[in-house]
């Protein structure tokens, strides 16, 4: 088993190496001390498993995890931390870690078994959702910044691509290599409203779209849903906290619908 341990404490590195050599025959062991060094190592010599400390000298271990998932690398990730909290556990697991262990008690005694289990879960495709790219069409820089800040803290598996209007969003999607999983559209956009942009994104790119607005309007809500919006949210107190769930729901709903159509299509079944 090829393991890369990303940890800036040499004492922890040595203790962990000694413990795993006893538990995992044939262990191939490498270390990195920083986010930058870890990413360089992964790109040059990809391991099977990254054992990742939460806090590093040049940033958060989450940056390494997101790099792995954004690039679709076949690497299982197990996170360890000397100090963490429930919210941190959720962030790492949502971003695609297979396991999370606190550095408490005799955790090193079970680490080898946990690494093997994590590798098996990854191979069986029982890993958490990968990073979703969210095209956020919003002309308010303040709203973009608030949303980005919340996602970074509470939903790191959602990557925002903010653009100020419809034409720039369509141009971005048309560029080679650019793709999004979900579109989040403000109703009031300069030049082209969210209602006008929504059918274009669906027809040209098959994107699930959510519409958000500063002022609720029953007629607009009905029109948005009639056009195929998967959700309609009002920018009232606490709406940003509801966005991750709404975005995930939209993504899963469209994927499920496509799968169901393939299963019921008589041509596909032949």
C-alpha atoms as a PDB file:
ATOM      1  CA  UNK A   1       0.000   0.000   0.000  1.00  0.00           C
ATOM      2  CA  UNK A   2       1.367   3.400  -1.026  1.00  0.00           C
ATOM      3  CA  UNK A   3       0.665   6.002   1.670  1.00  0.00           C
ATOM      4  CA  UNK A   4       1.479   9.703   1.663  1.00  0.00           C
ATOM      5  CA  UNK A   5       1.296  11.254   5.133  1.00  0.00           C
ATOM      6  CA  UNK A   6       0.796  15.025   4.994  1.00  0.00           C
ATOM      7  CA  UNK A   7       1.938  16.255   8.407  1.00  0.00           C
ATOM      8  CA  UNK A   8       4.245  19.076   9.492  1.00  0.00           C
ATOM      9  CA  UNK A   9       5.157  17.548  12.860  1.00  0.00           C
ATOM     10  CA  UNK A  10       8.189  15.218  12.444  1.00  0.00           C
ATOM     11  CA  UNK A  11       7.442  13.501  15.771  1.00  0.00           C
ATOM     12  CA  UNK A  12       3.932  12.535  14.569  1.00  0.00           C
ATOM     13  CA  UNK A  13       5.370  11.449  11.240  1.00  0.00           C
ATOM     14  CA  UNK A  14       7.813   9.064  12.895  1.00  0.00           C
ATOM     15  CA  UNK A  15       5.313   7.619  15.388  1.00  0.00           C
ATOM     16  CA  UNK A  16       2.786   7.000  12.637  1.00  0.00           C
ATOM     17  CA  UNK A  17       5.328   5.396  10.316  1.00  0.00           C
ATOM     18  CA  UNK A  18       6.483   2.999  13.048  1.00  0.00           C
ATOM     19  CA  UNK A  19       2.906   2.025  13.891  1.00  0.00           C
ATOM     20  CA  UNK A  20       1.877   1.419  10.277  1.00  0.00           C
ATOM     21  CA  UNK A  21       4.979  -0.606   9.424  1.00  0.00           C
ATOM     22  CA  UNK A  22       3.838  -3.113  12.069  1.00  0.00           C
ATOM     23  CA  UNK A  23       0.238  -3.165  10.833  1.00  0.00           C
ATOM     24  CA  UNK A  24       0.672  -3.037   7.048  1.00  0.00           C
ATOM     25  CA  UNK A  25       3.263  -5.408   5.529  1.00  0.00           C
ATOM     26  CA  UNK A  26       4.691  -4.018   2.314  1.00  0.00           C
ATOM     27  CA  UNK A  27       3.908  -0.428   3.245  1.00  0.00           C
ATOM     28  CA  UNK A  28       5.401   2.178   0.882  1.00  0.00           C
ATOM     29  CA  UNK A  29       5.751   5.376   2.895  1.00  0.00           C
ATOM     30  CA  UNK A  30       6.208   8.999   1.877  1.00  0.00           C
ATOM     31  CA  UNK A  31       5.669  12.278   3.705  1.00  0.00           C
ATOM     32  CA  UNK A  32       4.959  15.914   2.917  1.00  0.00           C
ATOM     33  CA  UNK A  33       5.065  18.834   5.324  1.00  0.00           C
ATOM     34  CA  UNK A  34       2.843  21.403   3.592  1.00  0.00           C
ATOM     35  CA  UNK A  35      -0.074  21.873   1.215  1.00  0.00           C
ATOM     36  CA  UNK A  36       2.260  22.871  -1.617  1.00  0.00           C
ATOM     37  CA  UNK A  37       4.622  19.946  -1.066  1.00  0.00           C
ATOM     38  CA  UNK A  38       1.717  17.481  -0.827  1.00  0.00           C
ATOM     39  CA  UNK A  39       0.141  18.618  -4.102  1.00  0.00           C
ATOM     40  CA  UNK A  40       3.504  18.456  -5.888  1.00  0.00           C
ATOM     41  CA  UNK A  41       4.066  14.929  -4.557  1.00  0.00           C
ATOM     42  CA  UNK A  42       0.571  13.776  -5.568  1.00  0.00           C
ATOM     43  CA  UNK A  43       1.039  15.093  -9.095  1.00  0.00           C
ATOM     44  CA  UNK A  44       4.468  13.467  -9.460  1.00  0.00           C
ATOM     45  CA  UNK A  45       3.930  10.136  -7.638  1.00  0.00           C
ATOM     46  CA  UNK A  46       0.239   9.516  -6.836  1.00  0.00           C
ATOM     47  CA  UNK A  47      -0.227   7.313  -3.751  1.00  0.00           C
ATOM     48  CA  UNK A  48      -3.129   4.960  -3.055  1.00  0.00           C
ATOM     49  CA  UNK A  49      -4.016   6.761   0.168  1.00  0.00           C
ATOM     50  CA  UNK A  50      -3.341  10.207   1.525  1.00  0.00           C
ATOM     51  CA  UNK A  51      -3.279  10.389   5.313  1.00  0.00           C
ATOM     52  CA  UNK A  52      -3.969  14.048   5.864  1.00  0.00           C
ATOM     53  CA  UNK A  53      -3.519  16.235   8.923  1.00  0.00           C
ATOM     54  CA  UNK A  54      -6.177  18.926   9.195  1.00  0.00           C
ATOM     55  CA  UNK A  55      -3.856  21.865   9.914  1.00  0.00           C
ATOM     56  CA  UNK A  56      -0.565  22.447   8.101  1.00  0.00           C
ATOM     57  CA  UNK A  57       2.109  25.134   8.206  1.00  0.00           C
ATOM     58  CA  UNK A  58       0.920  26.831   4.997  1.00  0.00           C
ATOM     59  CA  UNK A  59      -2.817  26.255   5.200  1.00  0.00           C
ATOM     60  CA  UNK A  60      -5.568  23.720   5.787  1.00  0.00           C
ATOM     61  CA  UNK A  61      -5.392  20.092   4.716  1.00  0.00           C
ATOM     62  CA  UNK A  62      -8.766  20.631   3.061  1.00  0.00           C
ATOM     63  CA  UNK A  63      -6.908  22.302   0.169  1.00  0.00           C
ATOM     64  CA  UNK A  64      -5.116  19.031  -0.552  1.00  0.00           C
ATOM     65  CA  UNK A  65      -8.350  17.045  -0.380  1.00  0.00           C
ATOM     66  CA  UNK A  66     -10.144  19.421  -2.753  1.00  0.00           C
ATOM     67  CA  UNK A  67      -7.237  19.270  -5.202  1.00  0.00           C
ATOM     68  CA  UNK A  68      -7.538  15.471  -5.276  1.00  0.00           C
ATOM     69  CA  UNK A  69     -11.301  15.476  -5.805  1.00  0.00           C
ATOM     70  CA  UNK A  70     -11.379  18.332  -8.340  1.00  0.00           C
ATOM     71  CA  UNK A  71      -8.873  16.484 -10.511  1.00  0.00           C
ATOM     72  CA  UNK A  72     -10.708  13.157 -10.185  1.00  0.00           C
ATOM     73  CA  UNK A  73      -7.657  11.341  -8.812  1.00  0.00           C
ATOM     74  CA  UNK A  74      -8.075   7.719  -7.709  1.00  0.00           C
ATOM     75  CA  UNK A  75      -6.801   8.358  -4.205  1.00  0.00           C
ATOM     76  CA  UNK A  76      -8.537   7.528  -0.926  1.00  0.00           C
ATOM     77  CA  UNK A  77      -8.190  10.163   1.809  1.00  0.00           C
ATOM     78  CA  UNK A  78      -8.207   9.719   5.581  1.00  0.00           C
ATOM     79  CA  UNK A  79      -8.043  12.823   7.755  1.00  0.00           C
ATOM     80  CA  UNK A  80      -6.502  13.004  11.225  1.00  0.00           C
ATOM     81  CA  UNK A  81      -6.542  15.965  13.588  1.00  0.00           C
ATOM     82  CA  UNK A  82      -5.213  16.809  17.012  1.00  0.00           C
ATOM     83  CA  UNK A  83      -7.971  19.346  17.526  1.00  0.00           C
ATOM     84  CA  UNK A  84     -11.175  19.568  15.574  1.00  0.00           C
ATOM     85  CA  UNK A  85     -14.907  19.851  15.925  1.00  0.00           C
ATOM     86  CA  UNK A  86     -18.095  18.413  14.492  1.00  0.00           C
ATOM     87  CA  UNK A  87     -18.288  21.060  11.775  1.00  0.00           C
ATOM     88  CA  UNK A  88     -14.738  20.263  10.636  1.00  0.00           C
ATOM     89  CA  UNK A  89     -15.525  16.553  10.429  1.00  0.00           C
ATOM     90  CA  UNK A  90     -18.562  17.276   8.258  1.00  0.00           C
ATOM     91  CA  UNK A  91     -16.595  19.605   5.960  1.00  0.00           C
ATOM     92  CA  UNK A  92     -13.886  17.010   5.297  1.00  0.00           C
ATOM     93  CA  UNK A  93     -16.309  14.126   4.798  1.00  0.00           C
ATOM     94  CA  UNK A  94     -18.543  16.157   2.488  1.00  0.00           C
ATOM     95  CA  UNK A  95     -15.503  17.183   0.471  1.00  0.00           C
ATOM     96  CA  UNK A  96     -14.680  13.523  -0.176  1.00  0.00           C
ATOM     97  CA  UNK A  97     -12.611  12.103   2.700  1.00  0.00           C
ATOM     98  CA  UNK A  98     -13.262   8.401   3.355  1.00  0.00           C
ATOM     99  CA  UNK A  99     -12.625   8.614   7.098  1.00  0.00           C
ATOM    100  CA  UNK A 100     -11.752  10.990   9.929  1.00  0.00           C
ATOM    101  CA  UNK A 101      -9.825  10.111  13.089  1.00  0.00           C
ATOM    102  CA  UNK A 102      -9.034  12.360  16.060  1.00  0.00           C
ATOM    103  CA  UNK A 103      -5.508  12.014  17.422  1.00  0.00           C
ATOM    104  CA  UNK A 104      -6.764  10.789  20.766  1.00  0.00           C
ATOM    105  CA  UNK A 105      -5.954   7.787  22.902  1.00  0.00           C
ATOM    106  CA  UNK A 106      -4.696   4.750  21.024  1.00  0.00           C
ATOM    107  CA  UNK A 107      -5.768   5.890  17.573  1.00  0.00           C
ATOM    108  CA  UNK A 108      -2.489   4.662  16.039  1.00  0.00           C
ATOM    109  CA  UNK A 109      -3.364   1.077  16.986  1.00  0.00           C
ATOM    110  CA  UNK A 110      -6.421   1.100  14.711  1.00  0.00           C
ATOM    111  CA  UNK A 111      -5.007   3.342  11.988  1.00  0.00           C
ATOM    112  CA  UNK A 112      -3.819   0.535   9.708  1.00  0.00           C
ATOM    113  CA  UNK A 113      -7.238  -1.136   9.705  1.00  0.00           C
ATOM    114  CA  UNK A 114      -8.950   2.196   9.064  1.00  0.00           C
ATOM    115  CA  UNK A 115      -6.691   2.865   6.070  1.00  0.00           C
ATOM    116  CA  UNK A 116      -7.528  -0.533   4.591  1.00  0.00           C
ATOM    117  CA  UNK A 117     -11.242   0.090   5.102  1.00  0.00           C
ATOM    118  CA  UNK A 118     -10.977   3.531   3.508  1.00  0.00           C
ATOM    119  CA  UNK A 119      -9.226   2.110   0.453  1.00  0.00           C
ATOM    120  CA  UNK A 120     -11.910  -0.560   0.108  1.00  0.00           C
ATOM    121  CA  UNK A 121     -14.751   1.977   0.405  1.00  0.00           C
ATOM    122  CA  UNK A 122     -13.123   4.114  -2.252  1.00  0.00           C
ATOM    123  CA  UNK A 123     -12.724   1.153  -4.609  1.00  0.00           C
ATOM    124  CA  UNK A 124     -16.367   0.181  -4.096  1.00  0.00           C
ATOM    125  CA  UNK A 125     -17.428   3.724  -4.934  1.00  0.00           C
ATOM    126  CA  UNK A 126     -18.940   4.236  -1.497  1.00  0.00           C
ATOM    127  CA  UNK A 127     -17.260   7.601  -1.068  1.00  0.00           C
ATOM    128  CA  UNK A 128     -18.957  10.932  -0.337  1.00  0.00           C
ATOM    129  CA  UNK A 129     -20.044  13.195  -3.188  1.00  0.00           C
ATOM    130  CA  UNK A 130     -17.357  14.827  -5.261  1.00  0.00           C
ATOM    131  CA  UNK A 131     -16.947  18.548  -5.670  1.00  0.00           C
ATOM    132  CA  UNK A 132     -19.835  20.196  -7.524  1.00  0.00           C
ATOM    133  CA  UNK A 133     -19.211  23.249  -9.687  1.00  0.00           C
ATOM    134  CA  UNK A 134     -21.919  25.872  -9.181  1.00  0.00           C
ATOM    135  CA  UNK A 135     -22.327  28.577 -11.817  1.00  0.00           C
ATOM    136  CA  UNK A 136     -23.498  31.563  -9.766  1.00  0.00           C
ATOM    137  CA  UNK A 137     -24.908  34.338 -11.967  1.00  0.00           C
ATOM    138  CA  UNK A 138     -25.178  37.316  -9.624  1.00  0.00           C
ATOM    139  CA  UNK A 139     -24.477  41.015 -10.160  1.00  0.00           C
ATOM    140  CA  UNK A 140     -24.090  41.836  -6.446  1.00  0.00           C
ATOM    141  CA  UNK A 141     -20.474  41.444  -5.336  1.00  0.00           C
ATOM    142  CA  UNK A 142     -21.618  41.489  -1.704  1.00  0.00           C
ATOM    143  CA  UNK A 143     -23.997  38.563  -2.229  1.00  0.00           C
ATOM    144  CA  UNK A 144     -21.292  36.618  -4.046  1.00  0.00           C
ATOM    145  CA  UNK A 145     -18.813  37.184  -1.233  1.00  0.00           C
ATOM    146  CA  UNK A 146     -21.314  36.179   1.480  1.00  0.00           C
ATOM    147  CA  UNK A 147     -22.195  33.005  -0.387  1.00  0.00           C
ATOM    148  CA  UNK A 148     -18.565  32.128  -1.107  1.00  0.00           C
ATOM    149  CA  UNK A 149     -17.610  32.638   2.525  1.00  0.00           C
ATOM    150  CA  UNK A 150     -20.447  30.399   3.731  1.00  0.00           C
ATOM    151  CA  UNK A 151     -19.596  27.641   1.266  1.00  0.00           C
ATOM    152  CA  UNK A 152     -15.914  27.717   2.195  1.00  0.00           C
ATOM    153  CA  UNK A 153     -16.835  27.228   5.858  1.00  0.00           C
ATOM    154  CA  UNK A 154     -19.871  24.958   5.630  1.00  0.00           C
ATOM    155  CA  UNK A 155     -19.959  23.357   2.171  1.00  0.00           C
ATOM    156  CA  UNK A 156     -16.431  23.053   0.728  1.00  0.00           C
ATOM    157  CA  UNK A 157     -17.646  20.437  -1.772  1.00  0.00           C
ATOM    158  CA  UNK A 158     -19.446  23.261  -3.621  1.00  0.00           C
ATOM    159  CA  UNK A 159     -17.159  25.358  -5.830  1.00  0.00           C
ATOM    160  CA  UNK A 160     -18.589  28.704  -6.951  1.00  0.00           C
ATOM    161  CA  UNK A 161     -17.947  30.192 -10.379  1.00  0.00           C
ATOM    162  CA  UNK A 162     -19.440  33.698 -10.022  1.00  0.00           C
ATOM    163  CA  UNK A 163     -20.341  35.688 -13.137  1.00  0.00           C
ATOM    164  CA  UNK A 164     -22.186  39.029 -13.225  1.00  0.00           C
ATOM    165  CA  UNK A 165     -24.694  38.500 -16.060  1.00  0.00           C
ATOM    166  CA  UNK A 166     -26.240  36.102 -18.561  1.00  0.00           C
ATOM    167  CA  UNK A 167     -23.980  36.759 -21.564  1.00  0.00           C
ATOM    168  CA  UNK A 168     -20.807  36.216 -19.531  1.00  0.00           C
ATOM    169  CA  UNK A 169     -22.258  32.982 -18.093  1.00  0.00           C
ATOM    170  CA  UNK A 170     -23.104  31.666 -21.559  1.00  0.00           C
ATOM    171  CA  UNK A 171     -19.667  32.672 -22.856  1.00  0.00           C
ATOM    172  CA  UNK A 172     -17.957  30.914 -19.945  1.00  0.00           C
ATOM    173  CA  UNK A 173     -19.890  27.697 -20.569  1.00  0.00           C
ATOM    174  CA  UNK A 174     -19.089  27.848 -24.286  1.00  0.00           C
ATOM    175  CA  UNK A 175     -15.333  27.988 -23.635  1.00  0.00           C
ATOM    176  CA  UNK A 176     -13.488  24.646 -24.012  1.00  0.00           C
ATOM    177  CA  UNK A 177     -12.996  22.806 -20.739  1.00  0.00           C
ATOM    178  CA  UNK A 178     -15.564  24.773 -18.747  1.00  0.00           C
ATOM    179  CA  UNK A 179     -18.516  22.942 -17.233  1.00  0.00           C
ATOM    180  CA  UNK A 180     -20.898  23.324 -14.323  1.00  0.00           C
ATOM    181  CA  UNK A 181     -23.109  20.909 -12.401  1.00  0.00           C
ATOM    182  CA  UNK A 182     -25.757  23.376 -11.216  1.00  0.00           C
ATOM    183  CA  UNK A 183     -26.666  26.991 -12.023  1.00  0.00           C
ATOM    184  CA  UNK A 184     -27.746  29.444  -9.345  1.00  0.00           C
ATOM    185  CA  UNK A 185     -29.415  32.469 -10.955  1.00  0.00           C
ATOM    186  CA  UNK A 186     -30.414  35.794  -9.504  1.00  0.00           C
ATOM    187  CA  UNK A 187     -33.750  36.993 -10.881  1.00  0.00           C
ATOM    188  CA  UNK A 188     -32.700  40.596 -11.471  1.00  0.00           C
ATOM    189  CA  UNK A 189     -29.651  40.597 -13.729  1.00  0.00           C
ATOM    190  CA  UNK A 190     -28.446  43.412 -15.999  1.00  0.00           C
ATOM    191  CA  UNK A 191     -29.645  43.032 -19.585  1.00  0.00           C
ATOM    192  CA  UNK A 192     -30.997  39.483 -19.330  1.00  0.00           C
ATOM    193  CA  UNK A 193     -33.104  38.405 -16.362  1.00  0.00           C
ATOM    194  CA  UNK A 194     -32.705  35.097 -14.583  1.00  0.00           C
ATOM    195  CA  UNK A 195     -36.001  33.965 -16.101  1.00  0.00           C
ATOM    196  CA  UNK A 196     -34.663  34.636 -19.602  1.00  0.00           C
ATOM    197  CA  UNK A 197     -31.329  32.953 -18.897  1.00  0.00           C
ATOM    198  CA  UNK A 198     -32.826  29.841 -17.303  1.00  0.00           C
ATOM    199  CA  UNK A 199     -34.247  28.172 -20.472  1.00  0.00           C
ATOM    200  CA  UNK A 200     -31.043  28.930 -22.387  1.00  0.00           C
ATOM    201  CA  UNK A 201     -28.909  27.142 -19.801  1.00  0.00           C
ATOM    202  CA  UNK A 202     -31.253  24.177 -19.818  1.00  0.00           C
ATOM    203  CA  UNK A 203     -31.567  23.914 -23.594  1.00  0.00           C
ATOM    204  CA  UNK A 204     -27.897  24.446 -24.438  1.00  0.00           C
ATOM    205  CA  UNK A 205     -26.190  22.813 -21.469  1.00  0.00           C
ATOM    206  CA  UNK A 206     -28.799  20.710 -19.656  1.00  0.00           C
ATOM    207  CA  UNK A 207     -28.072  22.500 -16.383  1.00  0.00           C
ATOM    208  CA  UNK A 208     -30.396  22.219 -13.381  1.00  0.00           C
ATOM    209  CA  UNK A 209     -31.204  25.810 -12.371  1.00  0.00           C
ATOM    210  CA  UNK A 210     -32.216  27.428  -9.102  1.00  0.00           C
ATOM    211  CA  UNK A 211     -33.650  30.946  -9.078  1.00  0.00           C
ATOM    212  CA  UNK A 212     -33.079  33.337  -6.180  1.00  0.00           C
ATOM    213  CA  UNK A 213     -34.601  36.775  -5.684  1.00  0.00           C
ATOM    214  CA  UNK A 214     -34.607  39.582  -3.161  1.00  0.00           C
ATOM    215  CA  UNK A 215     -38.401  39.947  -3.303  1.00  0.00           C
ATOM    216  CA  UNK A 216     -40.867  37.104  -3.405  1.00  0.00           C
ATOM    217  CA  UNK A 217     -43.506  37.148  -6.116  1.00  0.00           C
ATOM    218  CA  UNK A 218     -46.053  34.358  -6.599  1.00  0.00           C
ATOM    219  CA  UNK A 219     -46.357  34.952 -10.329  1.00  0.00           C
ATOM    220  CA  UNK A 220     -42.591  34.915 -10.844  1.00  0.00           C
ATOM    221  CA  UNK A 221     -42.254  31.796  -8.711  1.00  0.00           C
ATOM    222  CA  UNK A 222     -44.908  30.014 -10.770  1.00  0.00           C
ATOM    223  CA  UNK A 223     -43.261  31.120 -14.016  1.00  0.00           C
ATOM    224  CA  UNK A 224     -39.841  29.930 -12.841  1.00  0.00           C
ATOM    225  CA  UNK A 225     -41.151  26.488 -11.937  1.00  0.00           C
ATOM    226  CA  UNK A 226     -43.093  26.313 -15.218  1.00  0.00           C
ATOM    227  CA  UNK A 227     -39.834  27.008 -17.086  1.00  0.00           C
ATOM    228  CA  UNK A 228     -38.194  24.101 -15.283  1.00  0.00           C
ATOM    229  CA  UNK A 229     -36.407  25.658 -12.315  1.00  0.00           C
ATOM    230  CA  UNK A 230     -35.695  23.023  -9.669  1.00  0.00           C
ATOM    231  CA  UNK A 231     -36.134  25.534  -6.853  1.00  0.00           C
ATOM    232  CA  UNK A 232     -37.059  29.147  -6.096  1.00  0.00           C
ATOM    233  CA  UNK A 233     -35.538  30.860  -3.053  1.00  0.00           C
ATOM    234  CA  UNK A 234     -36.083  34.297  -1.534  1.00  0.00           C
ATOM    235  CA  UNK A 235     -33.124  36.228  -0.118  1.00  0.00           C
ATOM    236  CA  UNK A 236     -34.482  36.427   3.369  1.00  0.00           C
ATOM    237  CA  UNK A 237     -32.707  35.809   6.673  1.00  0.00           C
ATOM    238  CA  UNK A 238     -30.922  32.454   6.647  1.00  0.00           C
ATOM    239  CA  UNK A 239     -31.376  31.721   2.946  1.00  0.00           C
ATOM    240  CA  UNK A 240     -27.643  31.193   2.362  1.00  0.00           C
ATOM    241  CA  UNK A 241     -27.642  28.345   4.887  1.00  0.00           C
ATOM    242  CA  UNK A 242     -30.342  26.622   2.803  1.00  0.00           C
ATOM    243  CA  UNK A 243     -28.447  26.934  -0.495  1.00  0.00           C
ATOM    244  CA  UNK A 244     -26.139  23.883  -0.164  1.00  0.00           C
ATOM    245  CA  UNK A 245     -29.039  21.512   0.389  1.00  0.00           C
ATOM    246  CA  UNK A 246     -31.039  23.072  -2.453  1.00  0.00           C
ATOM    247  CA  UNK A 247     -28.048  22.804  -4.825  1.00  0.00           C
ATOM    248  CA  UNK A 248     -27.348  19.179  -3.876  1.00  0.00           C
ATOM    249  CA  UNK A 249     -31.038  18.332  -4.292  1.00  0.00           C
ATOM    250  CA  UNK A 250     -31.119  19.901  -7.760  1.00  0.00           C
ATOM    251  CA  UNK A 251     -28.040  17.954  -8.848  1.00  0.00           C
ATOM    252  CA  UNK A 252     -29.340  14.626  -7.536  1.00  0.00           C
ATOM    253  CA  UNK A 253     -32.834  15.217  -8.948  1.00  0.00           C
ATOM    254  CA  UNK A 254     -31.568  15.793 -12.476  1.00  0.00           C
ATOM    255  CA  UNK A 255     -29.222  12.800 -12.304  1.00  0.00           C
ATOM    256  CA  UNK A 256     -32.059  10.610 -11.043  1.00  0.00           C
ATOM    257  CA  UNK A 257     -34.418  11.841 -13.775  1.00  0.00           C
ATOM    258  CA  UNK A 258     -31.854  11.098 -16.483  1.00  0.00           C
ATOM    259  CA  UNK A 259     -31.253   7.615 -15.079  1.00  0.00           C
ATOM    260  CA  UNK A 260     -34.976   6.912 -14.904  1.00  0.00           C
ATOM    261  CA  UNK A 261     -35.444   8.000 -18.507  1.00  0.00           C
ATOM    262  CA  UNK A 262     -32.671   5.664 -19.660  1.00  0.00           C
ATOM    263  CA  UNK A 263     -34.226   2.798 -17.749  1.00  0.00           C
ATOM    264  CA  UNK A 264     -37.715   3.365 -19.185  1.00  0.00           C
ATOM    265  CA  UNK A 265     -36.683   4.248 -22.743  1.00  0.00           C
ATOM    266  CA  UNK A 266     -37.729   1.261 -24.913  1.00  0.00           C
ATOM    267  CA  UNK A 267     -34.830   1.920 -27.291  1.00  0.00           C
ATOM    268  CA  UNK A 268     -32.311   1.885 -24.468  1.00  0.00           C
ATOM    269  CA  UNK A 269     -33.764  -1.365 -23.186  1.00  0.00           C
ATOM    270  CA  UNK A 270     -33.347  -3.218 -26.482  1.00  0.00           C
END
